[in-house]
Structure formats: C-alpha cells, structure tokens
Amino acid sequence: FVGQTIRLRGIAEGDGTRIRIGGSTLAVREAMRAGAAVEVSMR
C-alpha cells in the first residue's frame, strides 16, 4: 500500500540467504528455509 513495490517469486537455496529467480541468484540478508518458495519484494 505504501509506495510502489517490485515483486518476484524465487526459491531459497543453501543457507536460505541465496534466492534463485529464474537463471539468476540473489544473495540477501534475510534467511528463509532452504527449498522454500518466497516472494522477493523491493522498491
């Protein structure tokens, strides 16, 4: 609701701080359970 948001779907890999989106991987600070489907949101 507040501001605009870009949303993508990905899968958490390794220790949960690497998120695979299509053919690329993002290293993020948050950790999710490995193998979990996640929504990746950013401004």
All heavy atoms as atom14 arrays in JSON, in Angstrom:
{
  "sequence": "FVGQTIRLRGIAEGDGTRIRIGGSTLAVREAMRAGAAVEVSMR",
  "atom14_mask": [
    [1, 1, 1, 1, 1, 1, 1, 1, 1, 1, 1, 0, 0, 0],
    [1, 1, 1, 1, 1, 1, 1, 0, 0, 0, 0, 0, 0, 0],
    [1, 1, 1, 1, 0, 0, 0, 0, 0, 0, 0, 0, 0, 0],
    [1, 1, 1, 1, 1, 1, 1, 1, 1, 0, 0, 0, 0, 0],
    [1, 1, 1, 1, 1, 1, 1, 0, 0, 0, 0, 0, 0, 0],
    [1, 1, 1, 1, 1, 1, 1, 1, 0, 0, 0, 0, 0, 0],
    [1, 1, 1, 1, 1, 1, 1, 1, 1, 1, 1, 0, 0, 0],
    [1, 1, 1, 1, 1, 1, 1, 1, 0, 0, 0, 0, 0, 0],
    [1, 1, 1, 1, 1, 1, 1, 1, 1, 1, 1, 0, 0, 0],
    [1, 1, 1, 1, 0, 0, 0, 0, 0, 0, 0, 0, 0, 0],
    [1, 1, 1, 1, 1, 1, 1, 1, 0, 0, 0, 0, 0, 0],
    [1, 1, 1, 1, 1, 0, 0, 0, 0, 0, 0, 0, 0, 0],
    [1, 1, 1, 1, 1, 1, 1, 1, 1, 0, 0, 0, 0, 0],
    [1, 1, 1, 1, 0, 0, 0, 0, 0, 0, 0, 0, 0, 0],
    [1, 1, 1, 1, 1, 1, 1, 1, 0, 0, 0, 0, 0, 0],
    [1, 1, 1, 1, 0, 0, 0, 0, 0, 0, 0, 0, 0, 0],
    [1, 1, 1, 1, 1, 1, 1, 0, 0, 0, 0, 0, 0, 0],
    [1, 1, 1, 1, 1, 1, 1, 1, 1, 1, 1, 0, 0, 0],
    [1, 1, 1, 1, 1, 1, 1, 1, 0, 0, 0, 0, 0, 0],
    [1, 1, 1, 1, 1, 1, 1, 1, 1, 1, 1, 0, 0, 0],
    [1, 1, 1, 1, 1, 1, 1, 1, 0, 0, 0, 0, 0, 0],
    [1, 1, 1, 1, 0, 0, 0, 0, 0, 0, 0, 0, 0, 0],
    [1, 1, 1, 1, 0, 0, 0, 0, 0, 0, 0, 0, 0, 0],
    [1, 1, 1, 1, 1, 1, 0, 0, 0, 0, 0, 0, 0, 0],
    [1, 1, 1, 1, 1, 1, 1, 0, 0, 0, 0, 0, 0, 0],
    [1, 1, 1, 1, 1, 1, 1, 1, 0, 0, 0, 0, 0, 0],
    [1, 1, 1, 1, 1, 0, 0, 0, 0, 0, 0, 0, 0, 0],
    [1, 1, 1, 1, 1, 1, 1, 0, 0, 0, 0, 0, 0, 0],
    [1, 1, 1, 1, 1, 1, 1, 1, 1, 1, 1, 0, 0, 0],
    [1, 1, 1, 1, 1, 1, 1, 1, 1, 0, 0, 0, 0, 0],
    [1, 1, 1, 1, 1, 0, 0, 0, 0, 0, 0, 0, 0, 0],
    [1, 1, 1, 1, 1, 1, 1, 1, 0, 0, 0, 0, 0, 0],
    [1, 1, 1, 1, 1, 1, 1, 1, 1, 1, 1, 0, 0, 0],
    [1, 1, 1, 1, 1, 0, 0, 0, 0, 0, 0, 0, 0, 0],
    [1, 1, 1, 1, 0, 0, 0, 0, 0, 0, 0, 0, 0, 0],
    [1, 1, 1, 1, 1, 0, 0, 0, 0, 0, 0, 0, 0, 0],
    [1, 1, 1, 1, 1, 0, 0, 0, 0, 0, 0, 0, 0, 0],
    [1, 1, 1, 1, 1, 1, 1, 0, 0, 0, 0, 0, 0, 0],
    [1, 1, 1, 1, 1, 1, 1, 1, 1, 0, 0, 0, 0, 0],
    [1, 1, 1, 1, 1, 1, 1, 0, 0, 0, 0, 0, 0, 0],
    [1, 1, 1, 1, 1, 1, 0, 0, 0, 0, 0, 0, 0, 0],
    [1, 1, 1, 1, 1, 1, 1, 1, 0, 0, 0, 0, 0, 0],
    [1, 1, 1, 1, 1, 1, 1, 1, 1, 1, 1, 0, 0, 0]
  ],
  "atom14_positions": [
    [[0.81, -1.21, 0.0], [0.0, 0.0, 0.0], [0.85, 1.26, 0.0], [0.49, 2.26, -0.65], [-0.95, 0.02, 1.2], [-1.89, 1.2, 1.19], [-2.98, 1.21, 0.34], [-1.66, 2.3, 2.0], [-3.83, 2.31, 0.29], [-2.51, 3.4, 1.96], [-3.6, 3.4, 1.1], [0.0, 0.0, 0.0], [0.0, 0.0, 0.0], [0.0, 0.0, 0.0]],
    [[1.94, 1.25, 0.72], [2.79, 2.45, 0.86], [3.91, 2.39, -0.17], [4.84, 1.6, -0.06], [3.38, 2.56, 2.28], [4.25, 3.81, 2.39], [2.26, 2.58, 3.32], [0.0, 0.0, 0.0], [0.0, 0.0, 0.0], [0.0, 0.0, 0.0], [0.0, 0.0, 0.0], [0.0, 0.0, 0.0], [0.0, 0.0, 0.0], [0.0, 0.0, 0.0]],
    [[3.82, 3.23, -1.18], [4.83, 3.25, -2.22], [4.62, 2.15, -3.25], [3.65, 1.39, -3.2], [0.0, 0.0, 0.0], [0.0, 0.0, 0.0], [0.0, 0.0, 0.0], [0.0, 0.0, 0.0], [0.0, 0.0, 0.0], [0.0, 0.0, 0.0], [0.0, 0.0, 0.0], [0.0, 0.0, 0.0], [0.0, 0.0, 0.0], [0.0, 0.0, 0.0]],
    [[5.55, 2.07, -4.19], [5.5, 1.05, -5.23], [6.4, -0.12, -4.84], [7.4, 0.05, -4.15], [5.92, 1.63, -6.57], [4.97, 2.68, -7.11], [5.42, 3.21, -8.47], [6.59, 3.51, -8.66], [4.48, 3.33, -9.39], [0.0, 0.0, 0.0], [0.0, 0.0, 0.0], [0.0, 0.0, 0.0], [0.0, 0.0, 0.0], [0.0, 0.0, 0.0]],
    [[6.06, -1.3, -5.33], [6.81, -2.5, -4.99], [7.02, -3.36, -6.23], [6.1, -3.54, -7.03], [6.07, -3.34, -3.93], [5.79, -2.53, -2.8], [6.9, -4.53, -3.48], [0.0, 0.0, 0.0], [0.0, 0.0, 0.0], [0.0, 0.0, 0.0], [0.0, 0.0, 0.0], [0.0, 0.0, 0.0], [0.0, 0.0, 0.0], [0.0, 0.0, 0.0]],
    [[8.24, -3.86, -6.38], [8.53, -4.88, -7.39], [8.53, -6.22, -6.68], [9.19, -6.4, -5.66], [9.9, -4.63, -8.05], [9.85, -3.33, -8.87], [10.31, -5.81, -8.93], [11.2, -2.92, -9.42], [0.0, 0.0, 0.0], [0.0, 0.0, 0.0], [0.0, 0.0, 0.0], [0.0, 0.0, 0.0], [0.0, 0.0, 0.0], [0.0, 0.0, 0.0]],
    [[7.77, -7.17, -7.22], [7.66, -8.49, -6.6], [8.06, -9.58, -7.58], [7.6, -9.58, -8.74], [6.23, -8.73, -6.11], [5.81, -7.85, -4.97], [4.39, -8.17, -4.5], [3.41, -7.83, -5.52], [2.89, -6.61, -5.65], [3.24, -5.65, -4.82], [2.01, -6.36, -6.61], [0.0, 0.0, 0.0], [0.0, 0.0, 0.0], [0.0, 0.0, 0.0]],
    [[8.89, -10.51, -7.1], [9.3, -11.66, -7.9], [9.2, -12.92, -7.05], [9.31, -12.85, -5.83], [10.73, -11.49, -8.4], [10.96, -10.39, -9.46], [12.44, -10.09, -9.59], [10.37, -10.81, -10.8], [0.0, 0.0, 0.0], [0.0, 0.0, 0.0], [0.0, 0.0, 0.0], [0.0, 0.0, 0.0], [0.0, 0.0, 0.0], [0.0, 0.0, 0.0]],
    [[9.02, -14.04, -7.69], [8.97, -15.32, -6.98], [10.31, -16.04, -7.13], [10.93, -16.0, -8.21], [7.86, -16.22, -7.52], [6.47, -15.62, -7.37], [5.39, -16.58, -7.85], [5.64, -17.06, -9.2], [5.36, -16.37, -10.31], [4.85, -15.15, -10.21], [5.61, -16.88, -11.5], [0.0, 0.0, 0.0], [0.0, 0.0, 0.0], [0.0, 0.0, 0.0]],
    [[10.76, -16.66, -6.05], [12.02, -17.38, -6.08], [12.02, -18.56, -5.13], [11.05, -18.82, -4.43], [0.0, 0.0, 0.0], [0.0, 0.0, 0.0], [0.0, 0.0, 0.0], [0.0, 0.0, 0.0], [0.0, 0.0, 0.0], [0.0, 0.0, 0.0], [0.0, 0.0, 0.0], [0.0, 0.0, 0.0], [0.0, 0.0, 0.0], [0.0, 0.0, 0.0]],
    [[13.16, -19.27, -5.1], [13.35, -20.41, -4.22], [14.6, -20.17, -3.38], [15.67, -19.82, -3.93], [13.51, -21.73, -5.01], [12.28, -21.98, -5.89], [13.73, -22.91, -4.07], [11.01, -22.25, -5.13], [0.0, 0.0, 0.0], [0.0, 0.0, 0.0], [0.0, 0.0, 0.0], [0.0, 0.0, 0.0], [0.0, 0.0, 0.0], [0.0, 0.0, 0.0]],
    [[14.5, -20.36, -2.05], [15.65, -20.21, -1.17], [16.58, -21.4, -1.32], [16.13, -22.56, -1.35], [15.18, -20.07, 0.28], [0.0, 0.0, 0.0], [0.0, 0.0, 0.0], [0.0, 0.0, 0.0], [0.0, 0.0, 0.0], [0.0, 0.0, 0.0], [0.0, 0.0, 0.0], [0.0, 0.0, 0.0], [0.0, 0.0, 0.0], [0.0, 0.0, 0.0]],
    [[17.87, -21.1, -1.41], [18.87, -22.16, -1.57], [19.95, -22.04, -0.51], [20.1, -21.01, 0.15], [19.5, -22.09, -2.97], [18.54, -22.34, -4.11], [19.24, -22.31, -5.46], [20.35, -21.73, -5.56], [18.67, -22.87, -6.43], [0.0, 0.0, 0.0], [0.0, 0.0, 0.0], [0.0, 0.0, 0.0], [0.0, 0.0, 0.0], [0.0, 0.0, 0.0]],
    [[20.76, -23.12, -0.39], [21.9, -23.12, 0.54], [21.46, -22.86, 1.96], [20.62, -23.58, 2.5], [0.0, 0.0, 0.0], [0.0, 0.0, 0.0], [0.0, 0.0, 0.0], [0.0, 0.0, 0.0], [0.0, 0.0, 0.0], [0.0, 0.0, 0.0], [0.0, 0.0, 0.0], [0.0, 0.0, 0.0], [0.0, 0.0, 0.0], [0.0, 0.0, 0.0]],
    [[22.03, -21.82, 2.57], [21.68, -21.49, 3.96], [20.41, -20.64, 4.05], [20.08, -20.15, 5.12], [22.84, -20.78, 4.66], [23.17, -19.44, 4.01], [22.54, -19.1, 2.98], [24.05, -18.73, 4.54], [0.0, 0.0, 0.0], [0.0, 0.0, 0.0], [0.0, 0.0, 0.0], [0.0, 0.0, 0.0], [0.0, 0.0, 0.0], [0.0, 0.0, 0.0]],
    [[19.75, -20.49, 2.94], [18.5, -19.73, 2.93], [18.65, -18.27, 2.6], [17.65, -17.55, 2.5], [0.0, 0.0, 0.0], [0.0, 0.0, 0.0], [0.0, 0.0, 0.0], [0.0, 0.0, 0.0], [0.0, 0.0, 0.0], [0.0, 0.0, 0.0], [0.0, 0.0, 0.0], [0.0, 0.0, 0.0], [0.0, 0.0, 0.0], [0.0, 0.0, 0.0]],
    [[19.89, -17.81, 2.41], [20.11, -16.4, 2.09], [20.44, -16.2, 0.61], [20.77, -15.09, 0.2], [21.26, -15.81, 2.93], [22.48, -16.51, 2.63], [20.95, -15.93, 4.42], [0.0, 0.0, 0.0], [0.0, 0.0, 0.0], [0.0, 0.0, 0.0], [0.0, 0.0, 0.0], [0.0, 0.0, 0.0], [0.0, 0.0, 0.0], [0.0, 0.0, 0.0]],
    [[20.35, -17.27, -0.16], [20.53, -17.16, -1.6], [19.2, -17.55, -2.26], [18.67, -18.63, -2.0], [21.66, -18.05, -2.1], [23.02, -17.67, -1.49], [24.14, -18.51, -2.07], [24.37, -18.21, -3.47], [25.09, -17.16, -3.92], [25.61, -16.31, -3.05], [25.25, -16.97, -5.2], [0.0, 0.0, 0.0], [0.0, 0.0, 0.0], [0.0, 0.0, 0.0]],
    [[18.69, -16.65, -3.06], [17.38, -16.84, -3.65], [17.53, -16.98, -5.17], [18.03, -16.07, -5.84], [16.44, -15.66, -3.34], [16.45, -15.32, -1.84], [15.04, -15.97, -3.83], [15.97, -16.43, -0.94], [0.0, 0.0, 0.0], [0.0, 0.0, 0.0], [0.0, 0.0, 0.0], [0.0, 0.0, 0.0], [0.0, 0.0, 0.0], [0.0, 0.0, 0.0]],
    [[17.1, -18.13, -5.67], [17.17, -18.35, -7.13], [15.89, -17.83, -7.77], [14.78, -18.22, -7.4], [17.36, -19.83, -7.44], [17.35, -20.12, -8.95], [18.03, -21.4, -9.31], [19.46, -21.34, -9.03], [20.38, -20.76, -9.82], [20.0, -20.15, -10.94], [21.65, -20.74, -9.49], [0.0, 0.0, 0.0], [0.0, 0.0, 0.0], [0.0, 0.0, 0.0]],
    [[16.09, -16.95, -8.75], [14.98, -16.41, -9.54], [15.31, -16.67, -10.99], [16.21, -16.04, -11.57], [14.79, -14.91, -9.29], [14.55, -14.62, -7.81], [13.64, -14.37, -10.13], [14.54, -13.15, -7.46], [0.0, 0.0, 0.0], [0.0, 0.0, 0.0], [0.0, 0.0, 0.0], [0.0, 0.0, 0.0], [0.0, 0.0, 0.0], [0.0, 0.0, 0.0]],
    [[14.63, -17.62, -11.6], [14.95, -17.98, -12.98], [16.37, -18.49, -13.06], [16.79, -19.38, -12.32], [0.0, 0.0, 0.0], [0.0, 0.0, 0.0], [0.0, 0.0, 0.0], [0.0, 0.0, 0.0], [0.0, 0.0, 0.0], [0.0, 0.0, 0.0], [0.0, 0.0, 0.0], [0.0, 0.0, 0.0], [0.0, 0.0, 0.0], [0.0, 0.0, 0.0]],
    [[17.15, -17.86, -13.94], [18.53, -18.3, -14.13], [19.54, -17.55, -13.28], [20.74, -17.72, -13.45], [0.0, 0.0, 0.0], [0.0, 0.0, 0.0], [0.0, 0.0, 0.0], [0.0, 0.0, 0.0], [0.0, 0.0, 0.0], [0.0, 0.0, 0.0], [0.0, 0.0, 0.0], [0.0, 0.0, 0.0], [0.0, 0.0, 0.0], [0.0, 0.0, 0.0]],
    [[19.08, -16.69, -12.38], [20.0, -15.88, -11.56], [19.8, -16.17, -10.08], [18.77, -16.72, -9.67], [19.77, -14.39, -11.82], [19.92, -14.07, -13.17], [0.0, 0.0, 0.0], [0.0, 0.0, 0.0], [0.0, 0.0, 0.0], [0.0, 0.0, 0.0], [0.0, 0.0, 0.0], [0.0, 0.0, 0.0], [0.0, 0.0, 0.0], [0.0, 0.0, 0.0]],
    [[20.8, -15.79, -9.27], [20.72, -15.97, -7.83], [21.02, -14.65, -7.14], [21.99, -13.97, -7.49], [21.71, -17.04, -7.33], [21.44, -18.26, -8.0], [21.57, -17.25, -5.83], [0.0, 0.0, 0.0], [0.0, 0.0, 0.0], [0.0, 0.0, 0.0], [0.0, 0.0, 0.0], [0.0, 0.0, 0.0], [0.0, 0.0, 0.0], [0.0, 0.0, 0.0]],
    [[20.2, -14.29, -6.15], [20.42, -13.09, -5.34], [20.93, -13.5, -3.97], [20.34, -14.38, -3.33], [19.13, -12.3, -5.17], [18.6, -11.47, -6.33], [17.33, -10.76, -5.91], [19.64, -10.45, -6.79], [0.0, 0.0, 0.0], [0.0, 0.0, 0.0], [0.0, 0.0, 0.0], [0.0, 0.0, 0.0], [0.0, 0.0, 0.0], [0.0, 0.0, 0.0]],
    [[21.98, -12.85, -3.5], [22.45, -13.04, -2.12], [21.81, -11.96, -1.27], [22.03, -10.76, -1.48], [23.97, -12.94, -2.05], [0.0, 0.0, 0.0], [0.0, 0.0, 0.0], [0.0, 0.0, 0.0], [0.0, 0.0, 0.0], [0.0, 0.0, 0.0], [0.0, 0.0, 0.0], [0.0, 0.0, 0.0], [0.0, 0.0, 0.0], [0.0, 0.0, 0.0]],
    [[20.98, -12.34, -0.31], [20.23, -11.39, 0.51], [20.6, -11.54, 1.97], [21.29, -12.48, 2.37], [18.71, -11.59, 0.32], [18.32, -11.33, -1.13], [18.28, -12.99, 0.73], [0.0, 0.0, 0.0], [0.0, 0.0, 0.0], [0.0, 0.0, 0.0], [0.0, 0.0, 0.0], [0.0, 0.0, 0.0], [0.0, 0.0, 0.0], [0.0, 0.0, 0.0]],
    [[20.14, -10.6, 2.8], [20.47, -10.64, 4.23], [19.52, -11.51, 5.02], [19.89, -12.14, 6.0], [20.47, -9.22, 4.8], [21.62, -8.36, 4.29], [21.69, -7.03, 5.02], [22.81, -6.24, 4.58], [23.11, -5.03, 5.07], [22.35, -4.5, 6.02], [24.15, -4.37, 4.62], [0.0, 0.0, 0.0], [0.0, 0.0, 0.0], [0.0, 0.0, 0.0]],
    [[18.23, -11.5, 4.63], [17.26, -12.33, 5.33], [17.51, -13.8, 5.0], [18.03, -14.13, 3.94], [15.84, -11.96, 4.91], [15.33, -10.65, 5.48], [13.84, -10.48, 5.18], [13.04, -11.23, 5.76], [13.51, -9.6, 4.39], [0.0, 0.0, 0.0], [0.0, 0.0, 0.0], [0.0, 0.0, 0.0], [0.0, 0.0, 0.0], [0.0, 0.0, 0.0]],
    [[17.11, -14.65, 5.9], [17.24, -16.09, 5.68], [15.86, -16.74, 5.71], [15.04, -16.44, 6.57], [18.13, -16.73, 6.74], [0.0, 0.0, 0.0], [0.0, 0.0, 0.0], [0.0, 0.0, 0.0], [0.0, 0.0, 0.0], [0.0, 0.0, 0.0], [0.0, 0.0, 0.0], [0.0, 0.0, 0.0], [0.0, 0.0, 0.0], [0.0, 0.0, 0.0]],
    [[15.64, -17.63, 4.76], [14.42, -18.43, 4.71], [14.82, -19.9, 4.72], [15.98, -20.25, 4.48], [13.61, -18.1, 3.45], [13.21, -16.65, 3.31], [11.98, -16.11, 4.53], [10.5, -16.81, 3.81], [0.0, 0.0, 0.0], [0.0, 0.0, 0.0], [0.0, 0.0, 0.0], [0.0, 0.0, 0.0], [0.0, 0.0, 0.0], [0.0, 0.0, 0.0]],
    [[13.87, -20.77, 4.97], [14.15, -22.2, 4.96], [14.56, -22.63, 3.56], [13.93, -22.29, 2.57], [12.91, -22.97, 5.42], [13.06, -24.49, 5.39], [11.78, -25.16, 5.87], [10.63, -24.71, 5.1], [10.29, -25.21, 3.91], [11.05, -26.15, 3.34], [9.21, -24.77, 3.29], [0.0, 0.0, 0.0], [0.0, 0.0, 0.0], [0.0, 0.0, 0.0]],
    [[15.67, -23.39, 3.45], [16.15, -23.86, 2.16], [15.06, -24.66, 1.46], [14.4, -25.52, 2.06], [17.4, -24.73, 2.34], [0.0, 0.0, 0.0], [0.0, 0.0, 0.0], [0.0, 0.0, 0.0], [0.0, 0.0, 0.0], [0.0, 0.0, 0.0], [0.0, 0.0, 0.0], [0.0, 0.0, 0.0], [0.0, 0.0, 0.0], [0.0, 0.0, 0.0]],
    [[14.84, -24.35, 0.2], [13.81, -25.02, -0.58], [12.46, -24.32, -0.53], [11.55, -24.68, -1.27], [0.0, 0.0, 0.0], [0.0, 0.0, 0.0], [0.0, 0.0, 0.0], [0.0, 0.0, 0.0], [0.0, 0.0, 0.0], [0.0, 0.0, 0.0], [0.0, 0.0, 0.0], [0.0, 0.0, 0.0], [0.0, 0.0, 0.0], [0.0, 0.0, 0.0]],
    [[12.32, -23.31, 0.34], [11.04, -22.62, 0.49], [10.79, -21.69, -0.7], [11.71, -21.04, -1.2], [11.0, -21.83, 1.79], [0.0, 0.0, 0.0], [0.0, 0.0, 0.0], [0.0, 0.0, 0.0], [0.0, 0.0, 0.0], [0.0, 0.0, 0.0], [0.0, 0.0, 0.0], [0.0, 0.0, 0.0], [0.0, 0.0, 0.0], [0.0, 0.0, 0.0]],
    [[9.54, -21.64, -1.12], [9.13, -20.66, -2.13], [8.92, -19.32, -1.45], [8.28, -19.25, -0.39], [7.85, -21.12, -2.82], [0.0, 0.0, 0.0], [0.0, 0.0, 0.0], [0.0, 0.0, 0.0], [0.0, 0.0, 0.0], [0.0, 0.0, 0.0], [0.0, 0.0, 0.0], [0.0, 0.0, 0.0], [0.0, 0.0, 0.0], [0.0, 0.0, 0.0]],
    [[9.48, -18.26, -2.01], [9.42, -16.94, -1.38], [9.04, -15.89, -2.41], [9.23, -16.05, -3.61], [10.77, -16.54, -0.73], [11.14, -17.52, 0.37], [11.87, -16.45, -1.77], [0.0, 0.0, 0.0], [0.0, 0.0, 0.0], [0.0, 0.0, 0.0], [0.0, 0.0, 0.0], [0.0, 0.0, 0.0], [0.0, 0.0, 0.0], [0.0, 0.0, 0.0]],
    [[8.44, -14.81, -1.88], [8.24, -13.62, -2.69], [9.36, -12.64, -2.35], [9.59, -12.33, -1.19], [6.89, -12.98, -2.38], [6.63, -11.72, -3.2], [5.31, -11.05, -2.84], [4.28, -11.47, -3.39], [5.32, -10.13, -1.99], [0.0, 0.0, 0.0], [0.0, 0.0, 0.0], [0.0, 0.0, 0.0], [0.0, 0.0, 0.0], [0.0, 0.0, 0.0]],
    [[10.06, -12.18, -3.36], [11.15, -11.23, -3.2], [10.61, -9.85, -3.55], [10.2, -9.6, -4.68], [12.33, -11.59, -4.12], [13.5, -10.63, -3.91], [12.77, -13.04, -3.88], [0.0, 0.0, 0.0], [0.0, 0.0, 0.0], [0.0, 0.0, 0.0], [0.0, 0.0, 0.0], [0.0, 0.0, 0.0], [0.0, 0.0, 0.0], [0.0, 0.0, 0.0]],
    [[10.57, -8.94, -2.56], [9.99, -7.62, -2.76], [11.06, -6.55, -2.62], [11.95, -6.65, -1.77], [8.89, -7.36, -1.72], [7.86, -8.33, -1.84], [0.0, 0.0, 0.0], [0.0, 0.0, 0.0], [0.0, 0.0, 0.0], [0.0, 0.0, 0.0], [0.0, 0.0, 0.0], [0.0, 0.0, 0.0], [0.0, 0.0, 0.0], [0.0, 0.0, 0.0]],
    [[10.95, -5.53, -3.45], [11.93, -4.44, -3.41], [11.27, -3.17, -3.94], [10.27, -3.22, -4.65], [13.17, -4.8, -4.23], [12.89, -5.03, -5.69], [14.11, -6.1, -6.52], [13.45, -7.71, -6.1], [0.0, 0.0, 0.0], [0.0, 0.0, 0.0], [0.0, 0.0, 0.0], [0.0, 0.0, 0.0], [0.0, 0.0, 0.0], [0.0, 0.0, 0.0]],
    [[11.84, -2.03, -3.57], [11.35, -0.75, -4.07], [12.0, -0.44, -5.42], [13.18, -0.77, -5.64], [11.68, 0.37, -3.09], [11.06, 0.2, -1.7], [9.56, 0.21, -1.73], [8.98, 0.29, -0.38], [7.68, 0.2, -0.14], [6.82, 0.03, -1.14], [7.22, 0.27, 1.1], [0.0, 0.0, 0.0], [0.0, 0.0, 0.0], [0.0, 0.0, 0.0]]
  ]
}
